Structure formats: C-alpha cells, structure tokens
Amino acid sequence: DDWDKAVSEILSAKQINGGLAGLVFDLRNNPGGYLEGSVFIASEFIKNGIIVSQKNSDNTKQDYAVDKKGKLLDIPLVVLVNKGSASAAEIVAGALRDYKRATIVGETTFGKGSVQTPFDLTQGAGLHITTGKWLLPKGDSIAKVGVSPDVEVKLDDTTTATTDAQLAKAIELLLK
C-alpha cells in the first residue's frame, strides 16, 4: 500500500509539472525482503523480461519475470546502493542495471544472493539451509560479490543530508 501511494504521488507530480527530470531510488542500507516484493518493485520500472532467476543446488532453475504493467517505465532513474543493500534490494538494483533502466550509484552491495530454505525443528528451534543462489538477468550471481555500481561514490561515516555525495551525484546525473 505504501509503494502504491508513493507511485501515485510520483505520477501526480509528473502530471502537475509536465514531466520529471528523474527519480532517485534510495536502496542504501535496505536489507531486502521477500522475492515476490523484489519482482513487484522491479516490474514497476521494467517493461518485460526476467527480473531474477533462482538456480537450485539440484541444478534446476526457475525464472521470475516482470509480473505487472509498470507505471514508472519512462522516468529517468538513478538507484543508490551501498554495502548495506542486500537480498531483494540487490535483485532490484541488479535487474535495473542489467536492463540499462537505471544508473546505479554508490558502493558495491552486500552480496546476499543465496536462497535459504527454512526448516522448523523441535522445541521452537529452526534451521535455514542454503539451497540455491540468485542470478541477475545477465546471469551474474549476487552471492558473495554483490552488485557493483555504475558510478562508484564512497561515503564516510559523517555523511548528513546536506553532505551526501552519493545523492549529489545521482541528482547531477539526472540533471545532465
């Protein structure tokens, strides 16, 4: 619901202003979420194709394709990532990069590209076993390597909203 509300606000701003210079999509320090969510979000920006593939330990493969008609297909896009961007956030950033739908700015992401299957054990215990890995549209694995940015901009720990070099670079790229 929050995503749909944000998309409506973006489209409203686009209509009121007669267009937008672009959109900065900040995935920094986003630890990810569910696979279905990453496909849903990426589908907002990509017209068609595979968002991510799951290659299992038994060598089977399942593709997850664009699953809806996106509403933000033509707005210029820069995605911000850092080492805290993981899992579903990496799937979204990687798919947008592979389809040349967005420029990725920041630092290489965490590299959480493994598929884990949970098993419930007795007395409330549980176990997660890695059973596969995520592959981006071009076939690259996210696991242990992450998603590299198109434009690398490192930040120090004292970054504030007024000294955010990654955000400044994103805005610069959109206004070119």
N, C-alpha and C. Protein backbone atom coordinates (compact mmCIF):
# COMPACT_ATOMS: atom_id res chain seq x y z
N ASP A 1 0.82 -1.20 0.00
CA ASP A 1 0.00 0.00 0.00
C ASP A 1 0.86 1.26 0.00
N ASP A 2 1.96 1.23 0.80
CA ASP A 2 2.86 2.39 0.84
C ASP A 2 3.50 2.62 -0.53
N TRP A 3 3.90 1.52 -1.19
CA TRP A 3 4.51 1.65 -2.51
C TRP A 3 3.52 2.25 -3.50
N ASP A 4 2.29 1.72 -3.53
CA ASP A 4 1.29 2.23 -4.47
C ASP A 4 1.00 3.71 -4.22
N LYS A 5 0.99 4.11 -2.95
CA LYS A 5 0.77 5.52 -2.61
C LYS A 5 1.92 6.37 -3.15
N ALA A 6 3.16 5.90 -2.97
CA ALA A 6 4.32 6.65 -3.46
C ALA A 6 4.29 6.77 -4.98
N VAL A 7 3.94 5.69 -5.67
CA VAL A 7 3.85 5.73 -7.14
C VAL A 7 2.79 6.74 -7.57
N SER A 8 1.65 6.75 -6.90
CA SER A 8 0.59 7.72 -7.22
C SER A 8 1.09 9.15 -7.05
N GLU A 9 1.85 9.40 -5.98
CA GLU A 9 2.40 10.74 -5.74
C GLU A 9 3.39 11.13 -6.83
N ILE A 10 4.21 10.18 -7.26
CA ILE A 10 5.18 10.45 -8.33
C ILE A 10 4.45 10.79 -9.62
N LEU A 11 3.43 10.00 -9.96
CA LEU A 11 2.68 10.24 -11.19
C LEU A 11 1.91 11.55 -11.13
N SER A 12 1.42 11.90 -9.97
CA SER A 12 0.73 13.18 -9.80
C SER A 12 1.71 14.34 -10.00
N ALA A 13 2.90 14.22 -9.41
CA ALA A 13 3.92 15.27 -9.58
C ALA A 13 4.33 15.39 -11.05
N LYS A 14 4.43 14.25 -11.72
CA LYS A 14 4.78 14.26 -13.15
C LYS A 14 3.72 15.00 -13.96
N GLN A 15 2.45 14.73 -13.67
CA GLN A 15 1.36 15.37 -14.39
C GLN A 15 1.31 16.87 -14.10
N ILE A 16 1.44 17.24 -12.85
CA ILE A 16 1.38 18.66 -12.46
C ILE A 16 2.52 19.45 -13.08
N ASN A 17 3.71 18.85 -13.10
CA ASN A 17 4.90 19.55 -13.60
C ASN A 17 5.15 19.36 -15.09
N GLY A 18 4.35 18.56 -15.75
CA GLY A 18 4.55 18.31 -17.17
C GLY A 18 5.74 17.41 -17.43
N GLY A 19 6.15 16.65 -16.46
CA GLY A 19 7.29 15.74 -16.59
C GLY A 19 8.16 15.82 -15.35
N LEU A 20 9.10 14.92 -15.27
CA LEU A 20 10.07 14.91 -14.17
C LEU A 20 11.47 14.75 -14.73
N ALA A 21 12.43 15.43 -14.13
CA ALA A 21 13.83 15.26 -14.55
C ALA A 21 14.29 13.84 -14.25
N GLY A 22 13.72 13.24 -13.21
CA GLY A 22 14.09 11.88 -12.87
C GLY A 22 13.72 11.54 -11.45
N LEU A 23 14.08 10.33 -11.09
CA LEU A 23 13.74 9.78 -9.79
C LEU A 23 14.99 9.16 -9.18
N VAL A 24 15.25 9.46 -7.91
CA VAL A 24 16.34 8.82 -7.17
C VAL A 24 15.69 7.77 -6.27
N PHE A 25 16.06 6.53 -6.47
CA PHE A 25 15.52 5.41 -5.71
C PHE A 25 16.60 4.95 -4.75
N ASP A 26 16.42 5.24 -3.48
CA ASP A 26 17.46 5.01 -2.46
C ASP A 26 17.28 3.64 -1.81
N LEU A 27 18.17 2.71 -2.15
CA LEU A 27 18.15 1.37 -1.58
C LEU A 27 19.30 1.16 -0.60
N ARG A 28 19.93 2.25 -0.19
CA ARG A 28 21.04 2.13 0.76
C ARG A 28 20.54 1.62 2.10
N ASN A 29 21.33 0.73 2.68
CA ASN A 29 21.02 0.13 3.99
C ASN A 29 19.66 -0.56 4.01
N ASN A 30 19.20 -1.00 2.84
CA ASN A 30 17.96 -1.77 2.75
C ASN A 30 18.36 -3.24 2.77
N PRO A 31 18.04 -3.97 3.85
CA PRO A 31 18.47 -5.36 3.95
C PRO A 31 17.66 -6.32 3.10
N GLY A 32 16.73 -5.79 2.31
CA GLY A 32 15.97 -6.65 1.42
C GLY A 32 14.64 -7.05 2.00
N GLY A 33 14.09 -8.08 1.45
CA GLY A 33 12.76 -8.53 1.86
C GLY A 33 12.45 -9.81 1.12
N TYR A 34 11.22 -9.91 0.68
CA TYR A 34 10.78 -11.13 0.01
C TYR A 34 11.03 -11.08 -1.49
N LEU A 35 11.27 -12.24 -2.07
CA LEU A 35 11.49 -12.37 -3.51
C LEU A 35 10.34 -11.74 -4.29
N GLU A 36 9.11 -12.05 -3.90
CA GLU A 36 7.95 -11.53 -4.62
C GLU A 36 7.93 -10.00 -4.60
N GLY A 37 8.37 -9.42 -3.50
CA GLY A 37 8.43 -7.97 -3.40
C GLY A 37 9.45 -7.37 -4.36
N SER A 38 10.59 -8.04 -4.50
CA SER A 38 11.61 -7.52 -5.41
C SER A 38 11.13 -7.58 -6.86
N VAL A 39 10.43 -8.64 -7.23
CA VAL A 39 9.89 -8.75 -8.59
C VAL A 39 8.82 -7.69 -8.81
N PHE A 40 7.96 -7.48 -7.82
CA PHE A 40 6.90 -6.47 -7.89
C PHE A 40 7.48 -5.08 -8.10
N ILE A 41 8.49 -4.73 -7.29
CA ILE A 41 9.08 -3.39 -7.37
C ILE A 41 9.82 -3.20 -8.69
N ALA A 42 10.65 -4.16 -9.08
CA ALA A 42 11.39 -4.04 -10.34
C ALA A 42 10.44 -3.94 -11.53
N SER A 43 9.31 -4.63 -11.44
CA SER A 43 8.32 -4.61 -12.52
C SER A 43 7.70 -3.23 -12.72
N GLU A 44 7.82 -2.38 -11.74
CA GLU A 44 7.30 -1.01 -11.85
C GLU A 44 8.12 -0.21 -12.87
N PHE A 45 9.39 -0.61 -13.08
CA PHE A 45 10.32 0.15 -13.91
C PHE A 45 10.72 -0.56 -15.20
N ILE A 46 10.50 -1.85 -15.28
CA ILE A 46 10.95 -2.66 -16.43
C ILE A 46 9.73 -3.19 -17.17
N LYS A 47 9.72 -3.02 -18.48
CA LYS A 47 8.54 -3.38 -19.28
C LYS A 47 8.32 -4.89 -19.35
N ASN A 48 9.38 -5.65 -19.62
CA ASN A 48 9.24 -7.10 -19.71
C ASN A 48 10.60 -7.76 -19.55
N GLY A 49 10.60 -9.06 -19.32
CA GLY A 49 11.84 -9.81 -19.18
C GLY A 49 11.95 -10.46 -17.82
N ILE A 50 13.07 -11.15 -17.64
CA ILE A 50 13.36 -11.85 -16.39
C ILE A 50 13.96 -10.86 -15.40
N ILE A 51 13.42 -10.81 -14.19
CA ILE A 51 13.96 -9.96 -13.13
C ILE A 51 15.09 -10.69 -12.43
N VAL A 52 14.87 -11.96 -12.11
CA VAL A 52 15.87 -12.76 -11.39
C VAL A 52 15.58 -14.23 -11.65
N SER A 53 16.62 -15.04 -11.57
CA SER A 53 16.48 -16.48 -11.68
C SER A 53 17.00 -17.12 -10.41
N GLN A 54 16.38 -18.22 -10.05
CA GLN A 54 16.82 -19.00 -8.89
C GLN A 54 17.44 -20.28 -9.42
N LYS A 55 18.74 -20.44 -9.18
CA LYS A 55 19.42 -21.67 -9.57
C LYS A 55 19.59 -22.50 -8.31
N ASN A 56 18.95 -23.67 -8.30
CA ASN A 56 18.94 -24.52 -7.12
C ASN A 56 20.13 -25.47 -7.07
N SER A 57 20.37 -26.01 -5.90
CA SER A 57 21.50 -26.92 -5.70
C SER A 57 21.36 -28.20 -6.52
N ASP A 58 20.14 -28.54 -6.95
CA ASP A 58 19.94 -29.72 -7.80
C ASP A 58 20.02 -29.37 -9.29
N ASN A 59 20.52 -28.16 -9.59
CA ASN A 59 20.72 -27.63 -10.95
C ASN A 59 19.43 -27.28 -11.69
N THR A 60 18.29 -27.28 -11.00
CA THR A 60 17.08 -26.77 -11.62
C THR A 60 17.11 -25.25 -11.54
N LYS A 61 16.35 -24.61 -12.40
CA LYS A 61 16.35 -23.15 -12.45
C LYS A 61 14.92 -22.66 -12.63
N GLN A 62 14.59 -21.62 -11.90
CA GLN A 62 13.28 -21.00 -12.03
C GLN A 62 13.46 -19.52 -12.30
N ASP A 63 12.80 -19.03 -13.35
CA ASP A 63 12.87 -17.63 -13.71
C ASP A 63 11.68 -16.88 -13.13
N TYR A 64 11.92 -15.64 -12.70
CA TYR A 64 10.88 -14.76 -12.20
C TYR A 64 10.86 -13.54 -13.11
N ALA A 65 9.78 -13.41 -13.86
CA ALA A 65 9.67 -12.37 -14.88
C ALA A 65 8.84 -11.19 -14.36
N VAL A 66 8.90 -10.09 -15.11
CA VAL A 66 8.05 -8.94 -14.85
C VAL A 66 6.63 -9.46 -14.67
N ASP A 67 5.97 -9.00 -13.59
CA ASP A 67 4.67 -9.59 -13.27
C ASP A 67 3.51 -8.60 -13.31
N LYS A 68 3.76 -7.42 -13.86
CA LYS A 68 2.67 -6.44 -13.98
C LYS A 68 3.08 -5.37 -14.98
N LYS A 69 2.12 -4.52 -15.34
CA LYS A 69 2.43 -3.38 -16.20
C LYS A 69 2.87 -2.23 -15.31
N GLY A 70 4.14 -1.90 -15.39
CA GLY A 70 4.70 -0.85 -14.56
C GLY A 70 4.17 0.53 -14.92
N LYS A 71 4.16 1.41 -13.93
CA LYS A 71 3.69 2.78 -14.13
C LYS A 71 4.82 3.79 -14.22
N LEU A 72 6.07 3.32 -13.96
CA LEU A 72 7.21 4.24 -13.96
C LEU A 72 8.24 3.82 -15.02
N LEU A 73 7.75 3.41 -16.16
CA LEU A 73 8.62 2.86 -17.20
C LEU A 73 9.47 3.90 -17.92
N ASP A 74 9.04 5.16 -17.91
CA ASP A 74 9.72 6.15 -18.73
C ASP A 74 10.37 7.29 -17.94
N ILE A 75 10.38 7.19 -16.63
CA ILE A 75 11.00 8.23 -15.82
C ILE A 75 12.49 7.90 -15.65
N PRO A 76 13.39 8.84 -15.98
CA PRO A 76 14.82 8.59 -15.76
C PRO A 76 15.06 8.21 -14.30
N LEU A 77 16.00 7.27 -14.09
CA LEU A 77 16.14 6.67 -12.77
C LEU A 77 17.60 6.49 -12.39
N VAL A 78 17.92 6.88 -11.14
CA VAL A 78 19.21 6.57 -10.52
C VAL A 78 18.91 5.83 -9.23
N VAL A 79 19.62 4.73 -9.01
CA VAL A 79 19.45 3.93 -7.80
C VAL A 79 20.69 4.06 -6.94
N LEU A 80 20.48 4.38 -5.67
CA LEU A 80 21.58 4.48 -4.71
C LEU A 80 21.71 3.17 -3.94
N VAL A 81 22.93 2.64 -3.86
CA VAL A 81 23.20 1.40 -3.12
C VAL A 81 24.47 1.56 -2.29
N ASN A 82 24.59 0.71 -1.28
CA ASN A 82 25.82 0.64 -0.50
C ASN A 82 25.99 -0.78 0.05
N LYS A 83 26.98 -0.97 0.90
CA LYS A 83 27.25 -2.31 1.42
C LYS A 83 26.13 -2.82 2.32
N GLY A 84 25.20 -1.95 2.71
CA GLY A 84 24.03 -2.35 3.49
C GLY A 84 22.84 -2.73 2.64
N SER A 85 22.96 -2.61 1.32
CA SER A 85 21.90 -3.03 0.40
C SER A 85 22.06 -4.53 0.18
N ALA A 86 21.02 -5.31 0.49
CA ALA A 86 21.17 -6.76 0.41
C ALA A 86 19.90 -7.42 -0.12
N SER A 87 20.06 -8.66 -0.52
CA SER A 87 18.96 -9.56 -0.85
C SER A 87 18.02 -8.95 -1.90
N ALA A 88 16.76 -8.73 -1.54
CA ALA A 88 15.78 -8.22 -2.51
C ALA A 88 16.19 -6.86 -3.08
N ALA A 89 16.83 -6.02 -2.27
CA ALA A 89 17.31 -4.72 -2.76
C ALA A 89 18.36 -4.93 -3.86
N GLU A 90 19.19 -5.95 -3.70
CA GLU A 90 20.21 -6.26 -4.71
C GLU A 90 19.56 -6.79 -5.99
N ILE A 91 18.51 -7.58 -5.84
CA ILE A 91 17.80 -8.09 -7.02
C ILE A 91 17.23 -6.93 -7.82
N VAL A 92 16.59 -5.98 -7.15
CA VAL A 92 16.00 -4.82 -7.84
C VAL A 92 17.11 -4.01 -8.51
N ALA A 93 18.14 -3.64 -7.77
CA ALA A 93 19.22 -2.83 -8.33
C ALA A 93 19.90 -3.55 -9.50
N GLY A 94 20.16 -4.83 -9.34
CA GLY A 94 20.83 -5.60 -10.39
C GLY A 94 20.00 -5.71 -11.65
N ALA A 95 18.71 -5.94 -11.51
CA ALA A 95 17.83 -6.03 -12.68
C ALA A 95 17.76 -4.69 -13.40
N LEU A 96 17.61 -3.60 -12.63
CA LEU A 96 17.54 -2.27 -13.25
C LEU A 96 18.84 -1.94 -13.97
N ARG A 97 19.96 -2.36 -13.40
CA ARG A 97 21.26 -2.14 -14.05
C ARG A 97 21.38 -2.98 -15.32
N ASP A 98 21.04 -4.29 -15.22
CA ASP A 98 21.21 -5.18 -16.36
C ASP A 98 20.36 -4.76 -17.56
N TYR A 99 19.17 -4.23 -17.31
CA TYR A 99 18.31 -3.77 -18.40
C TYR A 99 18.61 -2.33 -18.81
N LYS A 100 19.66 -1.76 -18.22
CA LYS A 100 20.05 -0.37 -18.50
C LYS A 100 18.88 0.58 -18.27
N ARG A 101 18.08 0.24 -17.26
CA ARG A 101 16.93 1.06 -16.92
C ARG A 101 17.29 2.15 -15.92
N ALA A 102 18.40 1.92 -15.20
CA ALA A 102 18.83 2.89 -14.20
C ALA A 102 20.35 2.92 -14.16
N THR A 103 20.85 4.05 -13.68
CA THR A 103 22.27 4.16 -13.35
C THR A 103 22.38 3.86 -11.86
N ILE A 104 23.29 2.96 -11.52
CA ILE A 104 23.48 2.58 -10.11
C ILE A 104 24.65 3.40 -9.57
N VAL A 105 24.42 4.10 -8.46
CA VAL A 105 25.43 4.98 -7.85
C VAL A 105 25.65 4.54 -6.41
N GLY A 106 26.91 4.54 -6.00
CA GLY A 106 27.23 4.24 -4.60
C GLY A 106 28.37 3.26 -4.48
N GLU A 107 28.16 2.27 -3.62
CA GLU A 107 29.19 1.27 -3.33
C GLU A 107 28.64 -0.12 -3.62
N THR A 108 29.53 -1.08 -3.82
CA THR A 108 29.12 -2.47 -4.07
C THR A 108 28.26 -2.96 -2.91
N THR A 109 27.19 -3.65 -3.25
CA THR A 109 26.23 -4.13 -2.27
C THR A 109 26.77 -5.31 -1.46
N PHE A 110 26.00 -5.76 -0.50
CA PHE A 110 26.40 -6.77 0.48
C PHE A 110 26.77 -8.13 -0.13
N GLY A 111 26.01 -8.61 -1.10
CA GLY A 111 26.30 -9.91 -1.71
C GLY A 111 25.49 -11.05 -1.12
N LYS A 112 24.27 -10.77 -0.71
CA LYS A 112 23.38 -11.80 -0.13
C LYS A 112 22.57 -12.38 -1.26
N GLY A 113 23.18 -13.24 -2.03
CA GLY A 113 22.49 -13.79 -3.19
C GLY A 113 22.15 -15.25 -3.03
N SER A 114 22.02 -15.71 -1.81
CA SER A 114 21.71 -17.12 -1.61
C SER A 114 20.24 -17.32 -1.28
N VAL A 115 19.73 -18.46 -1.71
CA VAL A 115 18.36 -18.86 -1.42
C VAL A 115 18.41 -19.78 -0.21
N GLN A 116 17.66 -19.44 0.80
CA GLN A 116 17.67 -20.27 2.00
C GLN A 116 16.29 -20.85 2.24
N THR A 117 16.28 -22.15 2.57
CA THR A 117 15.04 -22.85 2.87
C THR A 117 14.98 -23.08 4.37
N PRO A 118 13.90 -22.59 5.03
CA PRO A 118 13.79 -22.76 6.48
C PRO A 118 13.18 -24.12 6.84
N PHE A 119 13.67 -24.68 7.92
CA PHE A 119 13.12 -25.92 8.46
C PHE A 119 12.86 -25.70 9.94
N ASP A 120 11.64 -26.05 10.38
CA ASP A 120 11.30 -25.96 11.79
C ASP A 120 11.77 -27.23 12.50
N LEU A 121 12.39 -27.04 13.64
CA LEU A 121 12.85 -28.16 14.46
C LEU A 121 12.05 -28.19 15.75
N THR A 122 12.29 -29.17 16.55
CA THR A 122 11.55 -29.30 17.81
C THR A 122 11.91 -28.20 18.79
N GLN A 123 11.04 -27.97 19.73
CA GLN A 123 11.19 -27.00 20.81
C GLN A 123 11.43 -25.57 20.32
N GLY A 124 10.84 -25.24 19.18
CA GLY A 124 10.91 -23.88 18.66
C GLY A 124 12.17 -23.53 17.91
N ALA A 125 13.04 -24.48 17.74
CA ALA A 125 14.30 -24.22 17.01
C ALA A 125 14.03 -24.24 15.50
N GLY A 126 14.95 -23.69 14.77
CA GLY A 126 14.83 -23.69 13.32
C GLY A 126 16.20 -23.74 12.66
N LEU A 127 16.17 -24.07 11.40
CA LEU A 127 17.41 -24.19 10.63
C LEU A 127 17.15 -23.64 9.24
N HIS A 128 18.07 -22.84 8.75
CA HIS A 128 18.00 -22.34 7.37
C HIS A 128 19.14 -22.98 6.60
N ILE A 129 18.81 -23.63 5.50
CA ILE A 129 19.81 -24.29 4.67
C ILE A 129 19.87 -23.59 3.33
N THR A 130 21.06 -23.25 2.88
CA THR A 130 21.22 -22.63 1.58
C THR A 130 20.98 -23.69 0.51
N THR A 131 20.00 -23.42 -0.35
CA THR A 131 19.60 -24.41 -1.36
C THR A 131 19.74 -23.88 -2.79
N GLY A 132 20.21 -22.66 -2.94
CA GLY A 132 20.35 -22.11 -4.28
C GLY A 132 20.94 -20.72 -4.24
N LYS A 133 20.99 -20.10 -5.41
CA LYS A 133 21.51 -18.73 -5.49
C LYS A 133 20.68 -17.95 -6.49
N TRP A 134 20.71 -16.62 -6.30
CA TRP A 134 20.00 -15.71 -7.19
C TRP A 134 20.92 -15.29 -8.33
N LEU A 135 20.38 -15.29 -9.54
CA LEU A 135 21.11 -14.85 -10.72
C LEU A 135 20.38 -13.65 -11.33
N LEU A 136 21.13 -12.63 -11.66
CA LEU A 136 20.56 -11.44 -12.29
C LEU A 136 20.23 -11.74 -13.76
N PRO A 137 19.51 -10.86 -14.44
CA PRO A 137 19.09 -11.13 -15.82
C PRO A 137 20.23 -11.52 -16.78
N LYS A 138 21.41 -10.95 -16.60
CA LYS A 138 22.53 -11.32 -17.47
C LYS A 138 23.23 -12.60 -17.03
N GLY A 139 22.75 -13.21 -15.93
CA GLY A 139 23.31 -14.47 -15.46
C GLY A 139 24.32 -14.35 -14.34
N ASP A 140 24.64 -13.14 -13.92
CA ASP A 140 25.61 -12.95 -12.85
C ASP A 140 25.00 -13.31 -11.50
N SER A 141 25.80 -13.97 -10.67
CA SER A 141 25.38 -14.29 -9.32
C SER A 141 25.59 -13.09 -8.41
N ILE A 142 24.70 -12.90 -7.45
CA ILE A 142 24.84 -11.85 -6.45
C ILE A 142 25.68 -12.34 -5.27
N ALA A 143 25.62 -13.65 -5.03
CA ALA A 143 26.23 -14.25 -3.84
C ALA A 143 27.72 -13.89 -3.71
N LYS A 144 28.05 -13.33 -2.58
CA LYS A 144 29.42 -13.01 -2.16
C LYS A 144 30.11 -11.93 -2.99
N VAL A 145 29.47 -11.47 -4.10
CA VAL A 145 30.09 -10.41 -4.90
C VAL A 145 29.27 -9.13 -4.91
N GLY A 146 27.97 -9.25 -4.69
CA GLY A 146 27.09 -8.08 -4.68
C GLY A 146 26.86 -7.52 -6.07
N VAL A 147 26.27 -6.34 -6.08
CA VAL A 147 26.01 -5.60 -7.30
C VAL A 147 26.94 -4.39 -7.30
N SER A 148 27.76 -4.30 -8.32
CA SER A 148 28.69 -3.17 -8.44
C SER A 148 27.97 -1.97 -9.05
N PRO A 149 28.24 -0.78 -8.54
CA PRO A 149 27.60 0.40 -9.10
C PRO A 149 28.21 0.78 -10.45
N ASP A 150 27.42 1.49 -11.25
CA ASP A 150 27.94 2.05 -12.50
C ASP A 150 28.87 3.21 -12.18
N VAL A 151 28.53 3.97 -11.15
CA VAL A 151 29.31 5.12 -10.71
C VAL A 151 29.61 4.91 -9.23
N GLU A 152 30.87 4.67 -8.91
CA GLU A 152 31.23 4.44 -7.52
C GLU A 152 31.45 5.76 -6.79
N VAL A 153 30.75 5.91 -5.68
CA VAL A 153 30.91 7.08 -4.82
C VAL A 153 30.90 6.55 -3.39
N LYS A 154 32.03 6.65 -2.72
CA LYS A 154 32.13 6.18 -1.34
C LYS A 154 31.70 7.29 -0.39
N LEU A 155 31.19 6.88 0.76
CA LEU A 155 30.79 7.83 1.79
C LEU A 155 31.58 7.57 3.05
N ASP A 156 31.80 8.64 3.81
CA ASP A 156 32.39 8.43 5.13
C ASP A 156 31.26 8.35 6.15
N ASP A 157 31.58 8.03 7.37
CA ASP A 157 30.56 7.84 8.40
C ASP A 157 29.91 9.13 8.87
N THR A 158 30.42 10.27 8.44
CA THR A 158 29.87 11.54 8.91
C THR A 158 28.91 12.19 7.91
N THR A 159 28.45 11.40 6.95
CA THR A 159 27.54 11.94 5.94
C THR A 159 26.23 12.40 6.56
N THR A 160 25.77 13.56 6.14
CA THR A 160 24.47 14.07 6.55
C THR A 160 23.66 14.36 5.30
N ALA A 161 22.44 14.74 5.48
CA ALA A 161 21.58 15.04 4.33
C ALA A 161 22.16 16.15 3.46
N THR A 162 22.93 17.05 4.05
CA THR A 162 23.49 18.16 3.26
C THR A 162 24.86 17.84 2.69
N THR A 163 25.47 16.73 3.11
CA THR A 163 26.79 16.36 2.58
C THR A 163 26.78 14.95 2.02
N ASP A 164 25.69 14.55 1.42
CA ASP A 164 25.53 13.21 0.87
C ASP A 164 26.06 13.19 -0.57
N ALA A 165 27.30 12.75 -0.74
CA ALA A 165 27.94 12.77 -2.05
C ALA A 165 27.25 11.82 -3.04
N GLN A 166 26.71 10.72 -2.54
CA GLN A 166 26.02 9.78 -3.44
C GLN A 166 24.74 10.41 -3.98
N LEU A 167 23.96 11.03 -3.12
CA LEU A 167 22.74 11.70 -3.55
C LEU A 167 23.06 12.86 -4.49
N ALA A 168 24.09 13.62 -4.18
CA ALA A 168 24.50 14.73 -5.04
C ALA A 168 24.87 14.22 -6.43
N LYS A 169 25.58 13.09 -6.51
CA LYS A 169 25.96 12.51 -7.79
C LYS A 169 24.73 12.05 -8.56
N ALA A 170 23.77 11.44 -7.85
CA ALA A 170 22.54 10.98 -8.50
C ALA A 170 21.79 12.15 -9.13
N ILE A 171 21.66 13.22 -8.40
CA ILE A 171 20.96 14.42 -8.91
C ILE A 171 21.72 15.00 -10.09
N GLU A 172 23.03 15.07 -9.99
CA GLU A 172 23.85 15.57 -11.10
C GLU A 172 23.62 14.74 -12.37
N LEU A 173 23.58 13.42 -12.24
CA LEU A 173 23.37 12.55 -13.40
C LEU A 173 21.99 12.77 -14.01
N LEU A 174 20.99 12.97 -13.18
CA LEU A 174 19.63 13.17 -13.69
C LEU A 174 19.45 14.52 -14.39
N LEU A 175 20.20 15.52 -13.94
CA LEU A 175 20.04 16.86 -14.49
C LEU A 175 20.94 17.14 -15.70
N LYS A 176 21.74 16.17 -16.10
CA LYS A 176 22.60 16.35 -17.28
C LYS A 176 21.79 16.54 -18.52
